[in-house]
């Protein structure tokens, strides 16, 4: 990726988002009971795929979860794969949940 996308935390819509070629890239989540956040879906428009935008969204979202002291349940396959590939985020994952 040549430039890092400007990622915004849209709390009202429960997502991290970035305006990119082809539309809006986003990593969606839901806050659950207590300190749990469930990442449900990540999407990057086709013209912007392969540029590291999904990874930037995942990193930003997981860094936010860490800063907020949240436990993560990565139901989104992309977020789960990102955590598998970036072990520094495994400590955020809810106990008993396999990524």
PDB file of N, CA and C in Angstrom:
ATOM      1  N   UNK A   1       0.845  -1.174   0.000  1.00  0.00           N
ATOM      2  CA  UNK A   1       0.000   0.000   0.000  1.00  0.00           C
ATOM      3  C   UNK A   1       0.889   1.234   0.000  1.00  0.00           C
ATOM      4  N   UNK A   2       0.604   2.190  -0.833  1.00  0.00           N
ATOM      5  CA  UNK A   2       1.455   3.357  -0.940  1.00  0.00           C
ATOM      6  C   UNK A   2       1.173   4.376   0.160  1.00  0.00           C
ATOM      7  N   UNK A   3      -0.055   4.511   0.581  1.00  0.00           N
ATOM      8  CA  UNK A   3      -0.386   5.431   1.656  1.00  0.00           C
ATOM      9  C   UNK A   3      -1.301   4.732   2.652  1.00  0.00           C
ATOM     10  N   UNK A   4      -1.173   5.147   3.901  1.00  0.00           N
ATOM     11  CA  UNK A   4      -2.045   4.600   4.929  1.00  0.00           C
ATOM     12  C   UNK A   4      -3.388   5.304   4.842  1.00  0.00           C
ATOM     13  N   UNK A   5      -4.473   4.529   4.823  1.00  0.00           N
ATOM     14  CA  UNK A   5      -5.783   5.185   4.735  1.00  0.00           C
ATOM     15  C   UNK A   5      -6.102   5.935   6.020  1.00  0.00           C
ATOM     16  N   UNK A   6      -6.903   6.970   5.907  1.00  0.00           N
ATOM     17  CA  UNK A   6      -7.361   7.710   7.075  1.00  0.00           C
ATOM     18  C   UNK A   6      -8.526   6.934   7.684  1.00  0.00           C
ATOM     19  N   UNK A   7      -8.268   6.249   8.786  1.00  0.00           N
ATOM     20  CA  UNK A   7      -9.286   5.416   9.423  1.00  0.00           C
ATOM     21  C   UNK A   7      -9.965   6.211  10.521  1.00  0.00           C
ATOM     22  N   UNK A   8     -11.289   6.172  10.493  1.00  0.00           N
ATOM     23  CA  UNK A   8     -12.112   6.890  11.454  1.00  0.00           C
ATOM     24  C   UNK A   8     -12.904   5.885  12.270  1.00  0.00           C
ATOM     25  N   UNK A   9     -13.017   6.128  13.571  1.00  0.00           N
ATOM     26  CA  UNK A   9     -13.870   5.296  14.421  1.00  0.00           C
ATOM     27  C   UNK A   9     -15.253   5.929  14.429  1.00  0.00           C
ATOM     28  N   UNK A  10     -16.182   5.301  13.730  1.00  0.00           N
ATOM     29  CA  UNK A  10     -17.562   5.769  13.673  1.00  0.00           C
ATOM     30  C   UNK A  10     -18.335   5.018  14.755  1.00  0.00           C
ATOM     31  N   UNK A  11     -18.331   5.582  15.956  1.00  0.00           N
ATOM     32  CA  UNK A  11     -18.946   4.907  17.092  1.00  0.00           C
ATOM     33  C   UNK A  11     -20.453   4.735  16.919  1.00  0.00           C
ATOM     34  N   UNK A  12     -21.119   5.707  16.290  1.00  0.00           N
ATOM     35  CA  UNK A  12     -22.570   5.609  16.087  1.00  0.00           C
ATOM     36  C   UNK A  12     -22.939   4.404  15.218  1.00  0.00           C
ATOM     37  N   UNK A  13     -22.076   4.068  14.254  1.00  0.00           N
ATOM     38  CA  UNK A  13     -22.331   2.950  13.354  1.00  0.00           C
ATOM     39  C   UNK A  13     -21.614   1.672  13.796  1.00  0.00           C
ATOM     40  N   UNK A  14     -20.875   1.743  14.900  1.00  0.00           N
ATOM     41  CA  UNK A  14     -20.133   0.593  15.444  1.00  0.00           C
ATOM     42  C   UNK A  14     -19.176   0.008  14.413  1.00  0.00           C
ATOM     43  N   UNK A  15     -18.317   0.881  13.905  1.00  0.00           N
ATOM     44  CA  UNK A  15     -17.346   0.407  12.918  1.00  0.00           C
ATOM     45  C   UNK A  15     -16.167   1.372  12.805  1.00  0.00           C
ATOM     46  N   UNK A  16     -15.081   0.820  12.275  1.00  0.00           N
ATOM     47  CA  UNK A  16     -13.935   1.603  11.851  1.00  0.00           C
ATOM     48  C   UNK A  16     -14.055   1.682  10.345  1.00  0.00           C
ATOM     49  N   UNK A  17     -13.798   2.848   9.770  1.00  0.00           N
ATOM     50  CA  UNK A  17     -14.024   3.009   8.341  1.00  0.00           C
ATOM     51  C   UNK A  17     -12.984   3.916   7.708  1.00  0.00           C
ATOM     52  N   UNK A  18     -12.841   3.721   6.399  1.00  0.00           N
ATOM     53  CA  UNK A  18     -11.921   4.542   5.621  1.00  0.00           C
ATOM     54  C   UNK A  18     -12.502   4.710   4.220  1.00  0.00           C
ATOM     55  N   UNK A  19     -12.532   5.940   3.762  1.00  0.00           N
ATOM     56  CA  UNK A  19     -12.947   6.211   2.388  1.00  0.00           C
ATOM     57  C   UNK A  19     -11.798   5.793   1.481  1.00  0.00           C
ATOM     58  N   UNK A  20     -12.078   4.893   0.549  1.00  0.00           N
ATOM     59  CA  UNK A  20     -11.066   4.360  -0.357  1.00  0.00           C
ATOM     60  C   UNK A  20     -11.630   4.312  -1.768  1.00  0.00           C
ATOM     61  N   UNK A  21     -10.755   3.996  -2.704  1.00  0.00           N
ATOM     62  CA  UNK A  21     -11.211   3.836  -4.084  1.00  0.00           C
ATOM     63  C   UNK A  21     -12.323   2.790  -4.118  1.00  0.00           C
ATOM     64  N   UNK A  22     -13.449   3.151  -4.680  1.00  0.00           N
ATOM     65  CA  UNK A  22     -14.559   2.215  -4.802  1.00  0.00           C
ATOM     66  C   UNK A  22     -15.576   2.293  -3.683  1.00  0.00           C
ATOM     67  N   UNK A  23     -15.329   3.133  -2.672  1.00  0.00           N
ATOM     68  CA  UNK A  23     -16.330   3.263  -1.621  1.00  0.00           C
ATOM     69  C   UNK A  23     -15.752   3.330  -0.221  1.00  0.00           C
ATOM     70  N   UNK A  24     -16.419   2.636   0.694  1.00  0.00           N
ATOM     71  CA  UNK A  24     -16.071   2.685   2.101  1.00  0.00           C
ATOM     72  C   UNK A  24     -15.567   1.327   2.572  1.00  0.00           C
ATOM     73  N   UNK A  25     -14.361   1.300   3.095  1.00  0.00           N
ATOM     74  CA  UNK A  25     -13.827   0.087   3.732  1.00  0.00           C
ATOM     75  C   UNK A  25     -14.238   0.149   5.193  1.00  0.00           C
ATOM     76  N   UNK A  26     -14.586  -1.010   5.778  1.00  0.00           N
ATOM     77  CA  UNK A  26     -15.054  -0.968   7.162  1.00  0.00           C
ATOM     78  C   UNK A  26     -14.790  -2.261   7.905  1.00  0.00           C
ATOM     79  N   UNK A  27     -14.613  -2.111   9.201  1.00  0.00           N
ATOM     80  CA  UNK A  27     -14.512  -3.234  10.136  1.00  0.00           C
ATOM     81  C   UNK A  27     -15.608  -2.985  11.169  1.00  0.00           C
ATOM     82  N   UNK A  28     -16.614  -3.841  11.172  1.00  0.00           N
ATOM     83  CA  UNK A  28     -17.785  -3.645  12.020  1.00  0.00           C
ATOM     84  C   UNK A  28     -17.675  -4.450  13.306  1.00  0.00           C
ATOM     85  N   UNK A  29     -18.278  -3.930  14.355  1.00  0.00           N
ATOM     86  CA  UNK A  29     -18.261  -4.606  15.644  1.00  0.00           C
ATOM     87  C   UNK A  29     -19.559  -4.346  16.396  1.00  0.00           C
ATOM     88  N   UNK A  30     -19.777  -5.139  17.423  1.00  0.00           N
ATOM     89  CA  UNK A  30     -20.868  -4.929  18.368  1.00  0.00           C
ATOM     90  C   UNK A  30     -20.292  -5.008  19.768  1.00  0.00           C
ATOM     91  N   UNK A  31     -20.708  -4.121  20.618  1.00  0.00           N
ATOM     92  CA  UNK A  31     -20.324  -4.206  22.025  1.00  0.00           C
ATOM     93  C   UNK A  31     -21.295  -5.161  22.698  1.00  0.00           C
ATOM     94  N   UNK A  32     -20.769  -6.063  23.471  1.00  0.00           N
ATOM     95  CA  UNK A  32     -21.578  -7.036  24.187  1.00  0.00           C
ATOM     96  C   UNK A  32     -21.524  -6.707  25.680  1.00  0.00           C
ATOM     97  N   UNK A  33     -22.069  -7.576  26.461  1.00  0.00           N
ATOM     98  CA  UNK A  33     -22.107  -7.368  27.908  1.00  0.00           C
ATOM     99  C   UNK A  33     -20.700  -7.223  28.478  1.00  0.00           C
ATOM    100  N   UNK A  34     -20.561  -6.321  29.421  1.00  0.00           N
ATOM    101  CA  UNK A  34     -19.273  -6.136  30.093  1.00  0.00           C
ATOM    102  C   UNK A  34     -18.219  -5.565  29.170  1.00  0.00           C
ATOM    103  N   UNK A  35     -17.062  -6.218  29.187  1.00  0.00           N
ATOM    104  CA  UNK A  35     -15.916  -5.698  28.432  1.00  0.00           C
ATOM    105  C   UNK A  35     -15.683  -6.456  27.128  1.00  0.00           C
ATOM    106  N   UNK A  36     -16.730  -7.026  26.552  1.00  0.00           N
ATOM    107  CA  UNK A  36     -16.593  -7.829  25.332  1.00  0.00           C
ATOM    108  C   UNK A  36     -16.954  -7.019  24.093  1.00  0.00           C
ATOM    109  N   UNK A  37     -16.112  -7.131  23.073  1.00  0.00           N
ATOM    110  CA  UNK A  37     -16.414  -6.559  21.765  1.00  0.00           C
ATOM    111  C   UNK A  37     -16.356  -7.704  20.754  1.00  0.00           C
ATOM    112  N   UNK A  38     -17.381  -7.765  19.902  1.00  0.00           N
ATOM    113  CA  UNK A  38     -17.486  -8.817  18.896  1.00  0.00           C
ATOM    114  C   UNK A  38     -17.244  -8.182  17.528  1.00  0.00           C
ATOM    115  N   UNK A  39     -16.171  -8.592  16.855  1.00  0.00           N
ATOM    116  CA  UNK A  39     -15.921  -8.108  15.496  1.00  0.00           C
ATOM    117  C   UNK A  39     -16.678  -9.017  14.545  1.00  0.00           C
ATOM    118  N   UNK A  40     -17.575  -8.429  13.764  1.00  0.00           N
ATOM    119  CA  UNK A  40     -18.524  -9.206  12.971  1.00  0.00           C
ATOM    120  C   UNK A  40     -18.239  -9.242  11.477  1.00  0.00           C
ATOM    121  N   UNK A  41     -17.618  -8.195  10.936  1.00  0.00           N
ATOM    122  CA  UNK A  41     -17.489  -8.139   9.479  1.00  0.00           C
ATOM    123  C   UNK A  41     -16.429  -7.110   9.094  1.00  0.00           C
ATOM    124  N   UNK A  42     -15.622  -7.467   8.118  1.00  0.00           N
ATOM    125  CA  UNK A  42     -14.668  -6.529   7.529  1.00  0.00           C
ATOM    126  C   UNK A  42     -14.881  -6.556   6.027  1.00  0.00           C
ATOM    127  N   UNK A  43     -14.878  -5.379   5.430  1.00  0.00           N
ATOM    128  CA  UNK A  43     -15.151  -5.281   3.991  1.00  0.00           C
ATOM    129  C   UNK A  43     -14.288  -4.192   3.368  1.00  0.00           C
ATOM    130  N   UNK A  44     -13.679  -4.525   2.238  1.00  0.00           N
ATOM    131  CA  UNK A  44     -12.899  -3.561   1.464  1.00  0.00           C
ATOM    132  C   UNK A  44     -13.438  -3.618   0.040  1.00  0.00           C
ATOM    133  N   UNK A  45     -13.804  -2.470  -0.549  1.00  0.00           N
ATOM    134  CA  UNK A  45     -14.281  -2.475  -1.931  1.00  0.00           C
ATOM    135  C   UNK A  45     -13.261  -3.102  -2.875  1.00  0.00           C
ATOM    136  N   UNK A  46     -13.734  -3.804  -3.870  1.00  0.00           N
ATOM    137  CA  UNK A  46     -12.877  -4.535  -4.805  1.00  0.00           C
ATOM    138  C   UNK A  46     -11.751  -3.675  -5.383  1.00  0.00           C
ATOM    139  N   UNK A  47     -12.004  -2.433  -5.839  1.00  0.00           N
ATOM    140  CA  UNK A  47     -10.886  -1.661  -6.401  1.00  0.00           C
ATOM    141  C   UNK A  47      -9.756  -1.375  -5.411  1.00  0.00           C
ATOM    142  N   UNK A  48     -10.027  -1.481  -4.118  1.00  0.00           N
ATOM    143  CA  UNK A  48      -9.025  -1.178  -3.097  1.00  0.00           C
ATOM    144  C   UNK A  48      -8.438  -2.432  -2.450  1.00  0.00           C
ATOM    145  N   UNK A  49      -8.850  -3.606  -2.890  1.00  0.00           N
ATOM    146  CA  UNK A  49      -8.330  -4.847  -2.303  1.00  0.00           C
ATOM    147  C   UNK A  49      -6.839  -5.001  -2.591  1.00  0.00           C
ATOM    148  N   UNK A  50      -6.166  -5.707  -1.692  1.00  0.00           N
ATOM    149  CA  UNK A  50      -4.756  -6.018  -1.896  1.00  0.00           C
ATOM    150  C   UNK A  50      -3.803  -4.880  -1.602  1.00  0.00           C
ATOM    151  N   UNK A  51      -4.292  -3.832  -0.953  1.00  0.00           N
ATOM    152  CA  UNK A  51      -3.460  -2.665  -0.658  1.00  0.00           C
ATOM    153  C   UNK A  51      -3.174  -2.526   0.837  1.00  0.00           C
ATOM    154  N   UNK A  52      -3.566  -3.517   1.634  1.00  0.00           N
ATOM    155  CA  UNK A  52      -3.311  -3.466   3.067  1.00  0.00           C
ATOM    156  C   UNK A  52      -4.345  -2.699   3.868  1.00  0.00           C
ATOM    157  N   UNK A  53      -5.437  -2.343   3.223  1.00  0.00           N
ATOM    158  CA  UNK A  53      -6.466  -1.557   3.908  1.00  0.00           C
ATOM    159  C   UNK A  53      -7.179  -2.385   4.971  1.00  0.00           C
ATOM    160  N   UNK A  54      -7.497  -3.630   4.655  1.00  0.00           N
ATOM    161  CA  UNK A  54      -8.128  -4.503   5.640  1.00  0.00           C
ATOM    162  C   UNK A  54      -7.241  -4.693   6.856  1.00  0.00           C
ATOM    163  N   UNK A  55      -5.945  -4.878   6.625  1.00  0.00           N
ATOM    164  CA  UNK A  55      -4.996  -5.035   7.727  1.00  0.00           C
ATOM    165  C   UNK A  55      -4.930  -3.765   8.570  1.00  0.00           C
ATOM    166  N   UNK A  56      -4.956  -2.616   7.926  1.00  0.00           N
ATOM    167  CA  UNK A  56      -4.926  -1.354   8.671  1.00  0.00           C
ATOM    168  C   UNK A  56      -6.187  -1.198   9.523  1.00  0.00           C
ATOM    169  N   UNK A  57      -7.323  -1.603   8.977  1.00  0.00           N
ATOM    170  CA  UNK A  57      -8.571  -1.557   9.750  1.00  0.00           C
ATOM    171  C   UNK A  57      -8.490  -2.494  10.949  1.00  0.00           C
ATOM    172  N   UNK A  58      -8.019  -3.719  10.716  1.00  0.00           N
ATOM    173  CA  UNK A  58      -7.919  -4.704  11.794  1.00  0.00           C
ATOM    174  C   UNK A  58      -6.980  -4.204  12.883  1.00  0.00           C
ATOM    175  N   UNK A  59      -5.826  -3.706  12.507  1.00  0.00           N
ATOM    176  CA  UNK A  59      -4.841  -3.206  13.472  1.00  0.00           C
ATOM    177  C   UNK A  59      -5.419  -2.053  14.290  1.00  0.00           C
ATOM    178  N   UNK A  60      -6.080  -1.127  13.619  1.00  0.00           N
ATOM    179  CA  UNK A  60      -6.662   0.022  14.321  1.00  0.00           C
ATOM    180  C   UNK A  60      -7.748  -0.430  15.292  1.00  0.00           C
ATOM    181  N   UNK A  61      -8.607  -1.343  14.843  1.00  0.00           N
ATOM    182  CA  UNK A  61      -9.691  -1.837  15.689  1.00  0.00           C
ATOM    183  C   UNK A  61      -9.151  -2.595  16.896  1.00  0.00           C
ATOM    184  N   UNK A  62      -8.150  -3.425  16.686  1.00  0.00           N
ATOM    185  CA  UNK A  62      -7.585  -4.197  17.788  1.00  0.00           C
ATOM    186  C   UNK A  62      -6.796  -3.316  18.749  1.00  0.00           C
ATOM    187  N   UNK A  63      -6.126  -2.306  18.229  1.00  0.00           N
ATOM    188  CA  UNK A  63      -5.428  -1.363  19.102  1.00  0.00           C
ATOM    189  C   UNK A  63      -6.434  -0.598  19.965  1.00  0.00           C
ATOM    190  N   UNK A  64      -7.574  -0.247  19.387  1.00  0.00           N
ATOM    191  CA  UNK A  64      -8.645   0.402  20.144  1.00  0.00           C
ATOM    192  C   UNK A  64      -9.150  -0.524  21.245  1.00  0.00           C
ATOM    193  N   UNK A  65      -9.397  -1.784  20.911  1.00  0.00           N
ATOM    194  CA  UNK A  65      -9.886  -2.743  21.903  1.00  0.00           C
ATOM    195  C   UNK A  65      -8.895  -2.849  23.055  1.00  0.00           C
ATOM    196  N   UNK A  66      -7.610  -2.908  22.743  1.00  0.00           N
ATOM    197  CA  UNK A  66      -6.590  -2.989  23.782  1.00  0.00           C
ATOM    198  C   UNK A  66      -6.615  -1.736  24.660  1.00  0.00           C
ATOM    199  N   UNK A  67      -6.668  -0.575  24.039  1.00  0.00           N
ATOM    200  CA  UNK A  67      -6.658   0.690  24.785  1.00  0.00           C
ATOM    201  C   UNK A  67      -7.882   0.811  25.697  1.00  0.00           C
ATOM    202  N   UNK A  68      -8.989   0.229  25.271  1.00  0.00           N
ATOM    203  CA  UNK A  68     -10.224   0.283  26.053  1.00  0.00           C
ATOM    204  C   UNK A  68     -10.317  -0.842  27.083  1.00  0.00           C
ATOM    205  N   UNK A  69      -9.353  -1.739  27.091  1.00  0.00           N
ATOM    206  CA  UNK A  69      -9.371  -2.861  28.030  1.00  0.00           C
ATOM    207  C   UNK A  69     -10.430  -3.894  27.706  1.00  0.00           C
ATOM    208  N   UNK A  70     -10.735  -4.060  26.411  1.00  0.00           N
ATOM    209  CA  UNK A  70     -11.796  -4.974  25.986  1.00  0.00           C
ATOM    210  C   UNK A  70     -11.262  -6.360  25.651  1.00  0.00           C
ATOM    211  N   UNK A  71     -12.129  -7.327  25.789  1.00  0.00           N
ATOM    212  CA  UNK A  71     -11.870  -8.692  25.352  1.00  0.00           C
ATOM    213  C   UNK A  71     -12.505  -8.839  23.978  1.00  0.00           C
ATOM    214  N   UNK A  72     -11.826  -9.513  23.072  1.00  0.00           N
ATOM    215  CA  UNK A  72     -12.250  -9.613  21.673  1.00  0.00           C
ATOM    216  C   UNK A  72     -12.797 -10.998  21.346  1.00  0.00           C
ATOM    217  N   UNK A  73     -13.937 -11.009  20.654  1.00  0.00           N
ATOM    218  CA  UNK A  73     -14.459 -12.231  20.046  1.00  0.00           C
ATOM    219  C   UNK A  73     -14.458 -11.977  18.534  1.00  0.00           C
ATOM    220  N   UNK A  74     -13.488 -12.535  17.805  1.00  0.00           N
ATOM    221  CA  UNK A  74     -13.374 -12.273  16.365  1.00  0.00           C
ATOM    222  C   UNK A  74     -14.224 -13.236  15.532  1.00  0.00           C
ATOM    223  N   UNK A  75     -15.505 -12.943  15.394  1.00  0.00           N
ATOM    224  CA  UNK A  75     -16.363 -13.769  14.541  1.00  0.00           C
ATOM    225  C   UNK A  75     -16.069 -13.515  13.068  1.00  0.00           C
ATOM    226  N   UNK A  76     -15.560 -12.337  12.758  1.00  0.00           N
ATOM    227  CA  UNK A  76     -15.173 -12.002  11.383  1.00  0.00           C
ATOM    228  C   UNK A  76     -13.945 -12.823  11.001  1.00  0.00           C
ATOM    229  N   UNK A  77     -14.030 -13.605   9.930  1.00  0.00           N
ATOM    230  CA  UNK A  77     -12.880 -14.429   9.523  1.00  0.00           C
ATOM    231  C   UNK A  77     -11.619 -13.609   9.238  1.00  0.00           C
ATOM    232  N   UNK A  78     -11.773 -12.403   8.710  1.00  0.00           N
ATOM    233  CA  UNK A  78     -10.605 -11.585   8.409  1.00  0.00           C
ATOM    234  C   UNK A  78      -9.902 -11.149   9.694  1.00  0.00           C
ATOM    235  N   UNK A  79     -10.663 -10.694  10.681  1.00  0.00           N
ATOM    236  CA  UNK A  79     -10.073 -10.273  11.951  1.00  0.00           C
ATOM    237  C   UNK A  79      -9.421 -11.471  12.641  1.00  0.00           C
ATOM    238  N   UNK A  80     -10.085 -12.627  12.613  1.00  0.00           N
ATOM    239  CA  UNK A  80      -9.515 -13.842  13.225  1.00  0.00           C
ATOM    240  C   UNK A  80      -8.188 -14.201  12.556  1.00  0.00           C
ATOM    241  N   UNK A  81      -8.138 -14.140  11.230  1.00  0.00           N
ATOM    242  CA  UNK A  81      -6.905 -14.452  10.504  1.00  0.00           C
ATOM    243  C   UNK A  81      -5.815 -13.427  10.825  1.00  0.00           C
ATOM    244  N   UNK A  82      -6.194 -12.179  10.961  1.00  0.00           N
ATOM    245  CA  UNK A  82      -5.214 -11.145  11.298  1.00  0.00           C
ATOM    246  C   UNK A  82      -4.599 -11.447  12.659  1.00  0.00           C
ATOM    247  N   UNK A  83      -5.430 -11.843  13.614  1.00  0.00           N
ATOM    248  CA  UNK A  83      -4.927 -12.179  14.949  1.00  0.00           C
ATOM    249  C   UNK A  83      -4.007 -13.403  14.884  1.00  0.00           C
ATOM    250  N   UNK A  84      -4.386 -14.403  14.092  1.00  0.00           N
ATOM    251  CA  UNK A  84      -3.530 -15.586  13.931  1.00  0.00           C
ATOM    252  C   UNK A  84      -2.159 -15.191  13.391  1.00  0.00           C
ATOM    253  N   UNK A  85      -2.142 -14.258  12.451  1.00  0.00           N
ATOM    254  CA  UNK A  85      -0.893 -13.841  11.819  1.00  0.00           C
ATOM    255  C   UNK A  85      -0.100 -12.822  12.641  1.00  0.00           C
ATOM    256  N   UNK A  86      -0.742 -12.215  13.626  1.00  0.00           N
ATOM    257  CA  UNK A  86      -0.109 -11.177  14.444  1.00  0.00           C
ATOM    258  C   UNK A  86      -0.322 -11.539  15.915  1.00  0.00           C
ATOM    259  N   UNK A  87       0.540 -12.409  16.391  1.00  0.00           N
ATOM    260  CA  UNK A  87       0.406 -12.971  17.725  1.00  0.00           C
ATOM    261  C   UNK A  87       0.327 -11.966  18.855  1.00  0.00           C
ATOM    262  N   UNK A  88       0.777 -10.748  18.610  1.00  0.00           N
ATOM    263  CA  UNK A  88       0.731  -9.738  19.667  1.00  0.00           C
ATOM    264  C   UNK A  88      -0.697  -9.379  20.076  1.00  0.00           C
ATOM    265  N   UNK A  89      -1.688  -9.835  19.281  1.00  0.00           N
ATOM    266  CA  UNK A  89      -3.089  -9.547  19.616  1.00  0.00           C
ATOM    267  C   UNK A  89      -3.808 -10.746  20.235  1.00  0.00           C
ATOM    268  N   UNK A  90      -3.157 -11.883  20.328  1.00  0.00           N
ATOM    269  CA  UNK A  90      -3.836 -13.093  20.847  1.00  0.00           C
ATOM    270  C   UNK A  90      -4.306 -12.943  22.279  1.00  0.00           C
ATOM    271  N   UNK A  91      -3.605 -12.141  23.064  1.00  0.00           N
ATOM    272  CA  UNK A  91      -4.010 -11.959  24.464  1.00  0.00           C
ATOM    273  C   UNK A  91      -5.348 -11.231  24.602  1.00  0.00           C
ATOM    274  N   UNK A  92      -5.823 -10.607  23.532  1.00  0.00           N
ATOM    275  CA  UNK A  92      -7.110  -9.915  23.564  1.00  0.00           C
ATOM    276  C   UNK A  92      -8.292 -10.866  23.394  1.00  0.00           C
ATOM    277  N   UNK A  93      -8.032 -12.031  22.817  1.00  0.00           N
ATOM    278  CA  UNK A  93      -9.107 -12.948  22.426  1.00  0.00           C
ATOM    279  C   UNK A  93      -9.744 -13.580  23.663  1.00  0.00           C
ATOM    280  N   UNK A  94     -11.052 -13.663  23.621  1.00  0.00           N
ATOM    281  CA  UNK A  94     -11.829 -14.242  24.700  1.00  0.00           C
ATOM    282  C   UNK A  94     -11.340 -15.660  25.007  1.00  0.00           C
ATOM    283  N   UNK A  95     -11.172 -15.944  26.276  1.00  0.00           N
ATOM    284  CA  UNK A  95     -10.717 -17.272  26.709  1.00  0.00           C
ATOM    285  C   UNK A  95     -11.651 -18.340  26.146  1.00  0.00           C
ATOM    286  N   UNK A  96     -11.051 -19.385  25.583  1.00  0.00           N
ATOM    287  CA  UNK A  96     -11.820 -20.494  25.028  1.00  0.00           C
ATOM    288  C   UNK A  96     -12.222 -20.315  23.572  1.00  0.00           C
ATOM    289  N   UNK A  97     -11.980 -19.119  23.018  1.00  0.00           N
ATOM    290  CA  UNK A  97     -12.322 -18.866  21.609  1.00  0.00           C
ATOM    291  C   UNK A  97     -11.080 -19.117  20.768  1.00  0.00           C
ATOM    292  N   UNK A  98     -11.186 -20.000  19.810  1.00  0.00           N
ATOM    293  CA  UNK A  98     -10.034 -20.347  18.955  1.00  0.00           C
ATOM    294  C   UNK A  98     -10.006 -19.471  17.716  1.00  0.00           C
ATOM    295  N   UNK A  99      -8.829 -18.932  17.436  1.00  0.00           N
ATOM    296  CA  UNK A  99      -8.649 -18.177  16.183  1.00  0.00           C
ATOM    297  C   UNK A  99      -7.776 -18.957  15.247  1.00  0.00           C
TER     298      UNK A  99
END
